[in-house]
């Protein structure tokens, strides 16, 4: 069974690829590019929260 963090990392990578492709076709100030960039930011923030939580659990904090 795939862990939640592994799924999140896959989704982050897919979103990052999509953003790179979109950024090559549209200006970086395009609302669609900005929206996707903000969604990627949220995903990265969620990953960081989960990853930090796991590290704290392993360290017994």
Protein backbone atom coordinates (compact mmCIF):
# COMPACT_ATOMS: atom_id res chain seq x y z
CA UNK A 1 0.00 0.00 0.00
CA UNK A 2 1.27 3.40 -0.98
CA UNK A 3 1.78 5.88 1.84
CA UNK A 4 0.05 9.24 1.88
CA UNK A 5 3.41 11.02 1.60
CA UNK A 6 4.40 8.91 -1.43
CA UNK A 7 1.11 9.79 -3.15
CA UNK A 8 1.60 13.44 -2.25
CA UNK A 9 5.13 13.41 -3.71
CA UNK A 10 3.83 11.91 -6.95
CA UNK A 11 1.10 14.56 -7.16
CA UNK A 12 3.69 17.29 -6.45
CA UNK A 13 5.89 15.99 -9.27
CA UNK A 14 2.96 15.80 -11.70
CA UNK A 15 1.88 19.34 -10.80
CA UNK A 16 5.45 20.62 -11.14
CA UNK A 17 5.73 19.11 -14.63
CA UNK A 18 2.38 20.59 -15.61
CA UNK A 19 3.47 24.00 -14.32
CA UNK A 20 6.74 23.84 -16.26
CA UNK A 21 4.90 22.97 -19.46
CA UNK A 22 2.30 25.67 -18.93
CA UNK A 23 5.01 28.23 -18.15
CA UNK A 24 6.68 27.52 -21.48
CA UNK A 25 3.46 28.26 -23.37
CA UNK A 26 2.05 31.17 -21.41
CA UNK A 27 3.51 34.19 -19.65
CA UNK A 28 4.37 33.58 -16.01
CA UNK A 29 1.90 36.33 -15.08
CA UNK A 30 -1.00 34.48 -16.76
CA UNK A 31 -3.76 33.74 -14.22
CA UNK A 32 -3.71 30.02 -15.09
CA UNK A 33 0.04 29.82 -14.41
CA UNK A 34 -0.33 31.73 -11.15
CA UNK A 35 -3.21 29.48 -10.04
CA UNK A 36 -1.23 26.31 -10.73
CA UNK A 37 1.81 27.75 -8.99
CA UNK A 38 -0.26 28.52 -5.91
CA UNK A 39 -1.70 25.00 -5.91
CA UNK A 40 1.84 23.62 -6.06
CA UNK A 41 2.79 25.84 -3.12
CA UNK A 42 -0.08 24.36 -1.10
CA UNK A 43 1.00 20.83 -1.97
CA UNK A 44 4.58 21.59 -0.96
CA UNK A 45 3.39 23.10 2.32
CA UNK A 46 1.31 20.00 3.02
CA UNK A 47 4.28 17.74 2.26
CA UNK A 48 6.47 19.73 4.61
CA UNK A 49 3.87 19.48 7.42
CA UNK A 50 3.51 15.74 6.97
CA UNK A 51 7.24 15.12 6.61
CA UNK A 52 8.02 17.19 9.69
CA UNK A 53 5.31 15.35 11.63
CA UNK A 54 6.82 11.98 10.71
CA UNK A 55 10.29 13.13 11.71
CA UNK A 56 9.01 14.30 15.09
CA UNK A 57 7.25 10.97 15.64
CA UNK A 58 10.44 9.05 14.82
CA UNK A 59 12.48 11.22 17.16
CA UNK A 60 9.89 10.87 19.90
CA UNK A 61 9.12 14.58 20.07
